[in-house]
Amino acid sequence: MQKWIFVVSLDLLCLGAIACDKSGSTSAPSAPEASVPLAIASSSAPAAMPSTIPAPPDVAGAPADAAKTSSGLASKVLTAGTGKNHPGPSDTVKVHYTGWTKDGAMFDSSVTRGEPIQFPLNGVIPGWTEGLQLMVAGEKRRLWIPAALAYGDHPHQGAPAGNLVFDVELLDITPAPKPPSVPEDVRAAPATAKKTASGLAFRVLTPGAGTVHPTAASNVVVQYSGWTTDGKMFDSSVVRGQPARFGLANVIKGWTEGVQLMTKGEKARFWIPGALAYGDKPTRPGAPSGMLVFDIELVDFQ
C-alpha cells in the first residue's frame, strides 16, 4: 500500500526546480520497506501486524463535539499528549497513522506496516499540514479532512477521493533548521558578478574542490535556497533539512546552465532572469515570476 500522504500537493519540490520534468510534474517517492516487527517478549517469532484496521464509528462525518477550523478541517483528541510544543509548518514530524474514506474503506496505514513515518510538515496535503500543528508529542487525534484539503474529488495517480478520515499519533517533532538570511544583493546582481551570454549572472561564495564540472546529463546533489528579488524566500532544501537530488537536464534553464559552471563543494549565488526560470508571467500555478536568486551548494554529482 502506498503512502498517499506523500502525494505532495504543495509543489514545493518543483518550485526549487527539483525533480521536475519539462512540464513541471513530480513523482511521489515510493514507500520504504517496512522493518521487521520486534520479537514478542520470550519468543523469536515476529509479532503479527493487523492487515486492516476497522473504521471508526464516526468515519462518515465529524461529530458535534469535534473542533472545527475556518478551512473546514475538523478534529478530535483521542489521547492527550505529554508534550507542550506544537510543530511548525516546516518542522519534521514522526507519526503513526491510519486513513479511511468516508464510507469506511481503509486505504493506508503505517500501523499495519509496523513502522511509523517521518516527513516535513510542509510537504504533505494541506489537511495534514494544518492538523498536525494542532497536536503535541504523544497526542493521538482524529482528523476529518475535506476533499479540498486532501487530494480532491477527482485525484490523479490513484489517490483516495473525497473527504478522508485519519487517526494520527504524533510521536516526535524535529524542529526545522533556521532559514538562511536574505542575500544583501538579492535585488540585482552586483557589478562584480560574472555574466553569461544567456543573461545568467553569478558569483562564487565558496570555492569548490577540483576542476571537474557536471554536464547537462549529470545527476547532482545540492543544497539550495531561492528568493524573489523583493527578498521573499519561496523554497529551500536547507529549511527542509535534506539535500535535493535531480537530473540536471530536467530543471529550469538557469539551473541547467548555472550548475555546470560549478565544481564539487562550491557554493554560488545565481541571478536567473525570468526567461531562464518560470517566466515573467508563469503559466504553472504557484511558480514564482520574474528574476529569481538562488544560493546553490554543489554537494556531489555523477
C-alpha atoms as a PDB file:
ATOM      1  CA  MET A   1       0.000   0.000   0.000  1.00  0.00           C
ATOM      2  CA  GLN A   2       1.436   3.347  -0.960  1.00  0.00           C
ATOM      3  CA  LYS A   3       1.764   6.213   1.493  1.00  0.00           C
ATOM      4  CA  TRP A   4      -0.699   8.528  -0.175  1.00  0.00           C
ATOM      5  CA  ILE A   5       0.187  11.188   2.339  1.00  0.00           C
ATOM      6  CA  PHE A   6       3.324  11.723   0.274  1.00  0.00           C
ATOM      7  CA  VAL A   7       1.433  12.633  -2.895  1.00  0.00           C
ATOM      8  CA  VAL A   8       2.697  16.188  -2.492  1.00  0.00           C
ATOM      9  CA  SER A   9       0.134  18.826  -3.276  1.00  0.00           C
ATOM     10  CA  LEU A  10       2.087  21.969  -2.499  1.00  0.00           C
ATOM     11  CA  ASP A  11       4.509  21.902  -5.452  1.00  0.00           C
ATOM     12  CA  LEU A  12       7.398  22.642  -3.094  1.00  0.00           C
ATOM     13  CA  LEU A  13       9.680  20.261  -4.908  1.00  0.00           C
ATOM     14  CA  CYS A  14       9.028  21.844  -8.281  1.00  0.00           C
ATOM     15  CA  LEU A  15       9.369  25.447  -7.162  1.00  0.00           C
ATOM     16  CA  GLY A  16      13.052  24.947  -6.496  1.00  0.00           C
ATOM     17  CA  ALA A  17      13.494  23.169  -9.814  1.00  0.00           C
ATOM     18  CA  ILE A  18      13.839  19.810  -8.102  1.00  0.00           C
ATOM     19  CA  ALA A  19      12.767  16.523  -9.641  1.00  0.00           C
ATOM     20  CA  CYS A  20      10.691  18.349 -12.226  1.00  0.00           C
ATOM     21  CA  ASP A  21      10.399  17.315 -15.831  1.00  0.00           C
ATOM     22  CA  LYS A  22       9.861  19.907 -18.549  1.00  0.00           C
ATOM     23  CA  SER A  23       6.182  20.068 -17.701  1.00  0.00           C
ATOM     24  CA  GLY A  24       6.882  20.691 -14.008  1.00  0.00           C
ATOM     25  CA  SER A  25       5.454  17.398 -12.738  1.00  0.00           C
ATOM     26  CA  THR A  26       6.791  15.443  -9.784  1.00  0.00           C
ATOM     27  CA  SER A  27       6.787  11.821  -8.774  1.00  0.00           C
ATOM     28  CA  ALA A  28       5.778  10.796  -5.294  1.00  0.00           C
ATOM     29  CA  PRO A  29       8.557   8.867  -3.552  1.00  0.00           C
ATOM     30  CA  SER A  30       7.871   5.195  -3.043  1.00  0.00           C
ATOM     31  CA  ALA A  31       7.142   3.900   0.417  1.00  0.00           C
ATOM     32  CA  PRO A  32      10.157   2.438   2.227  1.00  0.00           C
ATOM     33  CA  GLU A  33      10.099  -1.236   3.080  1.00  0.00           C
ATOM     34  CA  ALA A  34       8.582  -1.957   6.457  1.00  0.00           C
ATOM     35  CA  SER A  35      11.072  -3.044   9.110  1.00  0.00           C
ATOM     36  CA  VAL A  36      10.768  -6.445  10.753  1.00  0.00           C
ATOM     37  CA  PRO A  37       8.476  -6.168  13.802  1.00  0.00           C
ATOM     38  CA  LEU A  38      10.064  -6.583  17.214  1.00  0.00           C
ATOM     39  CA  ALA A  39      10.089 -10.078  18.661  1.00  0.00           C
ATOM     40  CA  ILE A  40       7.447 -10.917  21.216  1.00  0.00           C
ATOM     41  CA  ALA A  41       8.965 -10.899  24.725  1.00  0.00           C
ATOM     42  CA  SER A  42      10.085 -14.521  25.168  1.00  0.00           C
ATOM     43  CA  SER A  43       9.641 -15.685  21.596  1.00  0.00           C
ATOM     44  CA  SER A  44      11.729 -15.266  18.461  1.00  0.00           C
ATOM     45  CA  ALA A  45       8.617 -15.187  16.267  1.00  0.00           C
ATOM     46  CA  PRO A  46       7.751 -11.725  14.890  1.00  0.00           C
ATOM     47  CA  ALA A  47       4.610 -10.055  16.198  1.00  0.00           C
ATOM     48  CA  ALA A  48       1.713 -10.331  13.772  1.00  0.00           C
ATOM     49  CA  MET A  49       0.528  -6.977  12.473  1.00  0.00           C
ATOM     50  CA  PRO A  50      -3.128  -6.457  11.564  1.00  0.00           C
ATOM     51  CA  SER A  51      -3.809  -6.407   7.845  1.00  0.00           C
ATOM     52  CA  THR A  52      -6.598  -3.880   8.237  1.00  0.00           C
ATOM     53  CA  ILE A  53      -7.973  -1.599  10.931  1.00  0.00           C
ATOM     54  CA  PRO A  54     -11.734  -1.165  11.311  1.00  0.00           C
ATOM     55  CA  ALA A  55     -13.105   2.272  10.528  1.00  0.00           C
ATOM     56  CA  PRO A  56     -14.174   4.426  13.487  1.00  0.00           C
ATOM     57  CA  PRO A  57     -17.935   4.700  14.113  1.00  0.00           C
ATOM     58  CA  ASP A  58     -17.894   8.400  13.157  1.00  0.00           C
ATOM     59  CA  VAL A  59     -16.000   7.914   9.878  1.00  0.00           C
ATOM     60  CA  ALA A  60     -18.887   9.289   7.778  1.00  0.00           C
ATOM     61  CA  GLY A  61     -18.778  12.725   9.389  1.00  0.00           C
ATOM     62  CA  ALA A  62     -17.320  14.683  12.290  1.00  0.00           C
ATOM     63  CA  PRO A  63     -19.412  14.539  15.491  1.00  0.00           C
ATOM     64  CA  ALA A  64     -20.842  17.649  17.101  1.00  0.00           C
ATOM     65  CA  ASP A  65     -18.076  17.792  19.716  1.00  0.00           C
ATOM     66  CA  ALA A  66     -15.277  17.870  17.116  1.00  0.00           C
ATOM     67  CA  ALA A  67     -13.293  21.105  16.873  1.00  0.00           C
ATOM     68  CA  LYS A  68     -13.542  22.847  13.505  1.00  0.00           C
ATOM     69  CA  THR A  69     -11.292  25.408  11.828  1.00  0.00           C
ATOM     70  CA  SER A  70     -12.125  28.074   9.258  1.00  0.00           C
ATOM     71  CA  SER A  71     -10.628  25.914   6.488  1.00  0.00           C
ATOM     72  CA  GLY A  72     -13.177  23.152   7.048  1.00  0.00           C
ATOM     73  CA  LEU A  73     -10.845  20.790   8.915  1.00  0.00           C
ATOM     74  CA  ALA A  74     -12.458  19.002  11.875  1.00  0.00           C
ATOM     75  CA  SER A  75     -10.582  17.131  14.589  1.00  0.00           C
ATOM     76  CA  LYS A  76     -10.991  15.454  17.939  1.00  0.00           C
ATOM     77  CA  VAL A  77      -8.373  14.479  20.528  1.00  0.00           C
ATOM     78  CA  LEU A  78      -8.460  10.739  21.200  1.00  0.00           C
ATOM     79  CA  THR A  79      -5.492  10.574  23.584  1.00  0.00           C
ATOM     80  CA  ALA A  80      -3.986  13.621  25.277  1.00  0.00           C
ATOM     81  CA  GLY A  81      -0.320  14.272  24.584  1.00  0.00           C
ATOM     82  CA  THR A  82       2.568  14.627  27.001  1.00  0.00           C
ATOM     83  CA  GLY A  83       4.463  17.335  25.132  1.00  0.00           C
ATOM     84  CA  LYS A  84       3.977  21.080  25.290  1.00  0.00           C
ATOM     85  CA  ASN A  85       5.226  22.278  21.913  1.00  0.00           C
ATOM     86  CA  HIS A  86       3.341  22.175  18.633  1.00  0.00           C
ATOM     87  CA  PRO A  87       5.183  21.527  15.355  1.00  0.00           C
ATOM     88  CA  GLY A  88       5.638  24.413  12.942  1.00  0.00           C
ATOM     89  CA  PRO A  89       4.827  24.181   9.223  1.00  0.00           C
ATOM     90  CA  SER A  90       8.468  23.480   8.303  1.00  0.00           C
ATOM     91  CA  ASP A  91       9.226  21.034  11.122  1.00  0.00           C
ATOM     92  CA  THR A  92       9.707  17.320  10.563  1.00  0.00           C
ATOM     93  CA  VAL A  93       7.289  15.021  12.373  1.00  0.00           C
ATOM     94  CA  LYS A  94       7.266  11.300  13.125  1.00  0.00           C
ATOM     95  CA  VAL A  95       3.812   9.730  13.204  1.00  0.00           C
ATOM     96  CA  HIS A  96       1.736   6.586  13.161  1.00  0.00           C
ATOM     97  CA  TYR A  97      -1.499   6.918  11.191  1.00  0.00           C
ATOM     98  CA  THR A  98      -4.391   5.141   9.524  1.00  0.00           C
ATOM     99  CA  GLY A  99      -6.594   6.602   6.804  1.00  0.00           C
ATOM    100  CA  TRP A 100     -10.130   5.761   5.663  1.00  0.00           C
ATOM    101  CA  THR A 101     -12.514   7.088   3.047  1.00  0.00           C
ATOM    102  CA  LYS A 102     -15.824   8.339   4.421  1.00  0.00           C
ATOM    103  CA  ASP A 103     -17.501   5.013   3.517  1.00  0.00           C
ATOM    104  CA  GLY A 104     -15.128   3.227   5.904  1.00  0.00           C
ATOM    105  CA  ALA A 105     -12.624   1.731   3.454  1.00  0.00           C
ATOM    106  CA  MET A 106      -9.071   1.792   4.838  1.00  0.00           C
ATOM    107  CA  PHE A 107      -6.636   2.916   2.122  1.00  0.00           C
ATOM    108  CA  ASP A 108      -3.380   3.234   4.071  1.00  0.00           C
ATOM    109  CA  SER A 109      -1.862   2.654   7.497  1.00  0.00           C
ATOM    110  CA  SER A 110       1.625   2.864   8.977  1.00  0.00           C
ATOM    111  CA  VAL A 111       0.228   0.802  11.858  1.00  0.00           C
ATOM    112  CA  THR A 112      -0.398  -2.234   9.645  1.00  0.00           C
ATOM    113  CA  ARG A 113       3.127  -1.886   8.251  1.00  0.00           C
ATOM    114  CA  GLY A 114       4.535  -1.805  11.770  1.00  0.00           C
ATOM    115  CA  GLU A 115       6.644   1.267  11.054  1.00  0.00           C
ATOM    116  CA  PRO A 116       5.986   4.966  11.730  1.00  0.00           C
ATOM    117  CA  ILE A 117       6.824   7.517   9.040  1.00  0.00           C
ATOM    118  CA  GLN A 118       8.743  10.775   9.175  1.00  0.00           C
ATOM    119  CA  PHE A 119       8.319  13.773   6.866  1.00  0.00           C
ATOM    120  CA  PRO A 120       8.493  17.588   6.722  1.00  0.00           C
ATOM    121  CA  LEU A 121       5.094  19.011   7.552  1.00  0.00           C
ATOM    122  CA  ASN A 122       5.031  21.426   4.625  1.00  0.00           C
ATOM    123  CA  GLY A 123       5.458  18.584   2.125  1.00  0.00           C
ATOM    124  CA  VAL A 124       2.089  16.881   2.536  1.00  0.00           C
ATOM    125  CA  ILE A 125      -1.603  17.531   1.926  1.00  0.00           C
ATOM    126  CA  PRO A 126      -2.920  20.791   3.457  1.00  0.00           C
ATOM    127  CA  GLY A 127      -5.178  18.949   5.918  1.00  0.00           C
ATOM    128  CA  TRP A 128      -2.149  17.268   7.450  1.00  0.00           C
ATOM    129  CA  THR A 129      -0.047  20.432   7.467  1.00  0.00           C
ATOM    130  CA  GLU A 130      -2.805  22.228   9.363  1.00  0.00           C
ATOM    131  CA  GLY A 131      -3.973  19.357  11.554  1.00  0.00           C
ATOM    132  CA  LEU A 132      -0.580  18.238  12.865  1.00  0.00           C
ATOM    133  CA  GLN A 133       0.170  21.785  14.017  1.00  0.00           C
ATOM    134  CA  LEU A 134      -2.732  21.458  16.465  1.00  0.00           C
ATOM    135  CA  MET A 135      -1.048  18.498  18.169  1.00  0.00           C
ATOM    136  CA  VAL A 136       1.716  17.909  20.719  1.00  0.00           C
ATOM    137  CA  ALA A 137       4.024  14.913  21.071  1.00  0.00           C
ATOM    138  CA  GLY A 138       2.266  11.840  22.431  1.00  0.00           C
ATOM    139  CA  GLU A 139      -1.152  13.024  21.264  1.00  0.00           C
ATOM    140  CA  LYS A 140      -3.491  10.940  19.148  1.00  0.00           C
ATOM    141  CA  ARG A 141      -6.099  12.839  17.154  1.00  0.00           C
ATOM    142  CA  ARG A 142      -8.780  12.042  14.572  1.00  0.00           C
ATOM    143  CA  LEU A 143      -8.869  14.346  11.539  1.00  0.00           C
ATOM    144  CA  TRP A 144     -11.843  14.750   9.205  1.00  0.00           C
ATOM    145  CA  ILE A 145     -10.257  16.305   6.121  1.00  0.00           C
ATOM    146  CA  PRO A 146     -12.445  17.749   3.350  1.00  0.00           C
ATOM    147  CA  ALA A 147     -11.502  16.876  -0.215  1.00  0.00           C
ATOM    148  CA  ALA A 148     -10.210  20.399  -0.856  1.00  0.00           C
ATOM    149  CA  LEU A 149      -7.571  19.870   1.841  1.00  0.00           C
ATOM    150  CA  ALA A 150      -6.742  16.325   0.703  1.00  0.00           C
ATOM    151  CA  TYR A 151      -6.436  15.017  -2.872  1.00  0.00           C
ATOM    152  CA  GLY A 152      -9.665  16.455  -4.268  1.00  0.00           C
ATOM    153  CA  ASP A 153     -12.778  14.789  -5.626  1.00  0.00           C
ATOM    154  CA  HIS A 154     -11.036  13.604  -8.798  1.00  0.00           C
ATOM    155  CA  PRO A 155      -7.415  12.874  -7.816  1.00  0.00           C
ATOM    156  CA  HIS A 156      -4.646  11.561 -10.037  1.00  0.00           C
ATOM    157  CA  GLN A 157      -2.318   8.589  -9.542  1.00  0.00           C
ATOM    158  CA  GLY A 158      -4.873   6.501  -7.665  1.00  0.00           C
ATOM    159  CA  ALA A 159      -5.008   8.661  -4.545  1.00  0.00           C
ATOM    160  CA  PRO A 160      -8.230   8.397  -2.496  1.00  0.00           C
ATOM    161  CA  ALA A 161     -11.002  10.787  -3.498  1.00  0.00           C
ATOM    162  CA  GLY A 162     -13.317  12.985  -1.474  1.00  0.00           C
ATOM    163  CA  ASN A 163     -13.414  13.573   2.265  1.00  0.00           C
ATOM    164  CA  LEU A 164     -10.931  11.497   4.270  1.00  0.00           C
ATOM    165  CA  VAL A 165     -10.563  10.492   7.911  1.00  0.00           C
ATOM    166  CA  PHE A 166      -7.202   9.911   9.608  1.00  0.00           C
ATOM    167  CA  ASP A 167      -6.262   8.739  13.070  1.00  0.00           C
ATOM    168  CA  VAL A 168      -2.833  10.248  13.692  1.00  0.00           C
ATOM    169  CA  GLU A 169      -0.468   9.734  16.622  1.00  0.00           C
ATOM    170  CA  LEU A 170       2.313  12.333  16.854  1.00  0.00           C
ATOM    171  CA  LEU A 171       5.401  10.528  18.132  1.00  0.00           C
ATOM    172  CA  ASP A 172       8.125  13.130  17.771  1.00  0.00           C
ATOM    173  CA  ILE A 173       8.927  16.611  16.425  1.00  0.00           C
ATOM    174  CA  THR A 174      12.233  17.687  14.886  1.00  0.00           C
ATOM    175  CA  PRO A 175      12.444  21.490  14.548  1.00  0.00           C
ATOM    176  CA  ALA A 176      13.335  22.742  11.084  1.00  0.00           C
ATOM    177  CA  PRO A 177      16.702  24.428  10.560  1.00  0.00           C
ATOM    178  CA  LYS A 178      16.535  28.201  10.662  1.00  0.00           C
ATOM    179  CA  PRO A 179      16.030  29.703   7.192  1.00  0.00           C
ATOM    180  CA  PRO A 180      19.092  31.349   5.646  1.00  0.00           C
ATOM    181  CA  SER A 181      19.330  35.124   5.663  1.00  0.00           C
ATOM    182  CA  VAL A 182      18.141  37.065   2.640  1.00  0.00           C
ATOM    183  CA  PRO A 183      21.169  37.912   0.458  1.00  0.00           C
ATOM    184  CA  GLU A 184      22.283  41.519   0.716  1.00  0.00           C
ATOM    185  CA  ASP A 185      22.376  41.735  -3.090  1.00  0.00           C
ATOM    186  CA  VAL A 186      19.064  39.968  -3.751  1.00  0.00           C
ATOM    187  CA  ARG A 187      17.596  42.886  -5.728  1.00  0.00           C
ATOM    188  CA  ALA A 188      20.128  42.768  -8.541  1.00  0.00           C
ATOM    189  CA  ALA A 189      23.449  41.217  -9.461  1.00  0.00           C
ATOM    190  CA  PRO A 190      26.385  43.375  -8.313  1.00  0.00           C
ATOM    191  CA  ALA A 191      28.922  44.751 -10.774  1.00  0.00           C
ATOM    192  CA  THR A 192      31.395  42.093  -9.656  1.00  0.00           C
ATOM    193  CA  ALA A 193      29.103  39.243 -10.725  1.00  0.00           C
ATOM    194  CA  LYS A 194      30.034  37.322 -13.861  1.00  0.00           C
ATOM    195  CA  LYS A 195      27.502  37.196 -16.674  1.00  0.00           C
ATOM    196  CA  THR A 196      26.909  34.720 -19.468  1.00  0.00           C
ATOM    197  CA  ALA A 197      25.531  35.306 -22.960  1.00  0.00           C
ATOM    198  CA  SER A 198      22.118  33.974 -21.889  1.00  0.00           C
ATOM    199  CA  GLY A 199      21.700  36.678 -19.227  1.00  0.00           C
ATOM    200  CA  LEU A 200      22.569  34.466 -16.254  1.00  0.00           C
ATOM    201  CA  ALA A 201      24.634  36.242 -13.585  1.00  0.00           C
ATOM    202  CA  PHE A 202      26.553  34.568 -10.778  1.00  0.00           C
ATOM    203  CA  ARG A 203      29.275  34.935  -8.203  1.00  0.00           C
ATOM    204  CA  VAL A 204      31.171  32.309  -6.238  1.00  0.00           C
ATOM    205  CA  LEU A 205      30.539  32.419  -2.491  1.00  0.00           C
ATOM    206  CA  THR A 206      32.759  29.462  -1.514  1.00  0.00           C
ATOM    207  CA  PRO A 207      35.263  27.884  -3.920  1.00  0.00           C
ATOM    208  CA  GLY A 208      34.923  24.211  -4.678  1.00  0.00           C
ATOM    209  CA  ALA A 209      37.472  21.413  -4.962  1.00  0.00           C
ATOM    210  CA  GLY A 210      38.926  20.125  -8.215  1.00  0.00           C
ATOM    211  CA  THR A 211      38.388  21.225 -11.791  1.00  0.00           C
ATOM    212  CA  VAL A 212      35.693  18.801 -12.978  1.00  0.00           C
ATOM    213  CA  HIS A 213      32.261  20.248 -13.766  1.00  0.00           C
ATOM    214  CA  PRO A 214      28.940  18.427 -14.154  1.00  0.00           C
ATOM    215  CA  THR A 215      27.373  18.210 -17.602  1.00  0.00           C
ATOM    216  CA  ALA A 216      23.764  18.666 -18.654  1.00  0.00           C
ATOM    217  CA  ALA A 217      23.413  14.870 -18.415  1.00  0.00           C
ATOM    218  CA  SER A 218      24.698  14.700 -14.824  1.00  0.00           C
ATOM    219  CA  ASN A 219      22.712  13.805 -11.741  1.00  0.00           C
ATOM    220  CA  VAL A 220      23.503  16.272  -8.978  1.00  0.00           C
ATOM    221  CA  VAL A 221      23.062  16.591  -5.208  1.00  0.00           C
ATOM    222  CA  VAL A 222      22.623  20.165  -3.990  1.00  0.00           C
ATOM    223  CA  GLN A 223      21.609  22.316  -1.061  1.00  0.00           C
ATOM    224  CA  TYR A 224      19.837  25.479  -2.162  1.00  0.00           C
ATOM    225  CA  SER A 225      17.583  28.378  -1.238  1.00  0.00           C
ATOM    226  CA  GLY A 226      15.609  30.585  -3.625  1.00  0.00           C
ATOM    227  CA  TRP A 227      14.278  34.141  -3.316  1.00  0.00           C
ATOM    228  CA  THR A 228      12.375  36.598  -5.449  1.00  0.00           C
ATOM    229  CA  THR A 229      14.114  39.959  -5.901  1.00  0.00           C
ATOM    230  CA  ASP A 230      11.991  41.515  -3.150  1.00  0.00           C
ATOM    231  CA  GLY A 231      13.625  39.130  -0.653  1.00  0.00           C
ATOM    232  CA  LYS A 232      10.827  36.583  -0.300  1.00  0.00           C
ATOM    233  CA  MET A 233      12.151  33.032   0.080  1.00  0.00           C
ATOM    234  CA  PHE A 234       9.917  30.619  -1.852  1.00  0.00           C
ATOM    235  CA  ASP A 235      11.810  27.359  -1.415  1.00  0.00           C
ATOM    236  CA  SER A 236      14.798  25.922   0.424  1.00  0.00           C
ATOM    237  CA  SER A 237      16.293  22.455   0.830  1.00  0.00           C
ATOM    238  CA  VAL A 238      18.190  23.930   3.798  1.00  0.00           C
ATOM    239  CA  VAL A 239      14.928  24.544   5.660  1.00  0.00           C
ATOM    240  CA  ARG A 240      13.735  21.029   4.821  1.00  0.00           C
ATOM    241  CA  GLY A 241      16.998  19.702   6.228  1.00  0.00           C
ATOM    242  CA  GLN A 242      17.677  17.435   3.259  1.00  0.00           C
ATOM    243  CA  PRO A 243      19.704  17.975   0.069  1.00  0.00           C
ATOM    244  CA  ALA A 244      17.951  17.705  -3.274  1.00  0.00           C
ATOM    245  CA  ARG A 245      18.822  15.168  -5.992  1.00  0.00           C
ATOM    246  CA  PHE A 246      17.830  15.549  -9.638  1.00  0.00           C
ATOM    247  CA  GLY A 247      18.910  15.220 -13.247  1.00  0.00           C
ATOM    248  CA  LEU A 248      20.409  18.496 -14.428  1.00  0.00           C
ATOM    249  CA  ALA A 249      18.655  18.205 -17.798  1.00  0.00           C
ATOM    250  CA  ASN A 250      15.225  18.207 -16.163  1.00  0.00           C
ATOM    251  CA  VAL A 251      15.178  21.567 -14.379  1.00  0.00           C
ATOM    252  CA  ILE A 252      14.786  25.223 -15.296  1.00  0.00           C
ATOM    253  CA  LYS A 253      17.281  26.514 -17.870  1.00  0.00           C
ATOM    254  CA  GLY A 254      19.076  28.768 -15.401  1.00  0.00           C
ATOM    255  CA  TRP A 255      19.854  25.792 -13.193  1.00  0.00           C
ATOM    256  CA  THR A 256      20.944  23.584 -16.095  1.00  0.00           C
ATOM    257  CA  GLU A 257      23.388  26.257 -17.251  1.00  0.00           C
ATOM    258  CA  GLY A 258      24.476  27.556 -13.866  1.00  0.00           C
ATOM    259  CA  VAL A 259      25.259  24.308 -12.055  1.00  0.00           C
ATOM    260  CA  GLN A 260      27.502  23.250 -14.953  1.00  0.00           C
ATOM    261  CA  LEU A 261      29.735  26.213 -14.065  1.00  0.00           C
ATOM    262  CA  MET A 262      30.353  24.791 -10.578  1.00  0.00           C
ATOM    263  CA  THR A 263      32.731  22.231  -9.108  1.00  0.00           C
ATOM    264  CA  LYS A 264      32.100  19.844  -6.231  1.00  0.00           C
ATOM    265  CA  GLY A 265      31.913  21.647  -2.894  1.00  0.00           C
ATOM    266  CA  GLU A 266      31.378  25.059  -4.481  1.00  0.00           C
ATOM    267  CA  LYS A 267      28.683  27.445  -3.305  1.00  0.00           C
ATOM    268  CA  ALA A 268      27.499  30.149  -5.691  1.00  0.00           C
ATOM    269  CA  ARG A 269      24.766  32.753  -5.989  1.00  0.00           C
ATOM    270  CA  PHE A 270      22.801  32.971  -9.243  1.00  0.00           C
ATOM    271  CA  TRP A 271      20.570  35.718 -10.588  1.00  0.00           C
ATOM    272  CA  ILE A 272      18.316  33.931 -13.067  1.00  0.00           C
ATOM    273  CA  PRO A 273      16.206  36.080 -15.418  1.00  0.00           C
ATOM    274  CA  GLY A 274      12.583  35.127 -15.911  1.00  0.00           C
ATOM    275  CA  ALA A 275      13.260  33.729 -19.382  1.00  0.00           C
ATOM    276  CA  LEU A 276      15.576  31.121 -17.811  1.00  0.00           C
ATOM    277  CA  ALA A 277      13.251  30.387 -14.877  1.00  0.00           C
ATOM    278  CA  TYR A 278       9.420  30.245 -14.897  1.00  0.00           C
ATOM    279  CA  GLY A 279       8.840  33.386 -16.948  1.00  0.00           C
ATOM    280  CA  ASP A 280       7.618  36.861 -16.083  1.00  0.00           C
ATOM    281  CA  LYS A 281       4.043  35.553 -16.137  1.00  0.00           C
ATOM    282  CA  PRO A 282       4.308  31.855 -15.203  1.00  0.00           C
ATOM    283  CA  THR A 283       1.674  29.517 -16.577  1.00  0.00           C
ATOM    284  CA  ARG A 284       2.284  26.936 -13.875  1.00  0.00           C
ATOM    285  CA  PRO A 285       0.195  27.751 -10.772  1.00  0.00           C
ATOM    286  CA  GLY A 286       2.254  28.874  -7.795  1.00  0.00           C
ATOM    287  CA  ALA A 287       5.546  29.299  -9.646  1.00  0.00           C
ATOM    288  CA  PRO A 288       7.483  32.476  -8.753  1.00  0.00           C
ATOM    289  CA  SER A 289       7.693  35.078 -11.505  1.00  0.00           C
ATOM    290  CA  GLY A 290      10.454  37.214 -12.917  1.00  0.00           C
ATOM    291  CA  MET A 291      14.109  37.142 -11.936  1.00  0.00           C
ATOM    292  CA  LEU A 292      14.974  34.664  -9.187  1.00  0.00           C
ATOM    293  CA  VAL A 293      18.003  34.463  -6.925  1.00  0.00           C
ATOM    294  CA  PHE A 294      19.400  31.116  -5.776  1.00  0.00           C
ATOM    295  CA  ASP A 295      22.220  30.196  -3.426  1.00  0.00           C
ATOM    296  CA  ILE A 296      23.349  26.739  -4.534  1.00  0.00           C
ATOM    297  CA  GLU A 297      25.914  24.405  -2.999  1.00  0.00           C
ATOM    298  CA  LEU A 298      27.010  21.556  -5.259  1.00  0.00           C
ATOM    299  CA  VAL A 299      27.390  18.664  -2.820  1.00  0.00           C
ATOM    300  CA  ASP A 300      28.053  15.904  -5.352  1.00  0.00           C
ATOM    301  CA  PHE A 301      27.403  14.808  -8.943  1.00  0.00           C
ATOM    302  CA  GLN A 302      27.834  11.883 -11.245  1.00  0.00           C
END
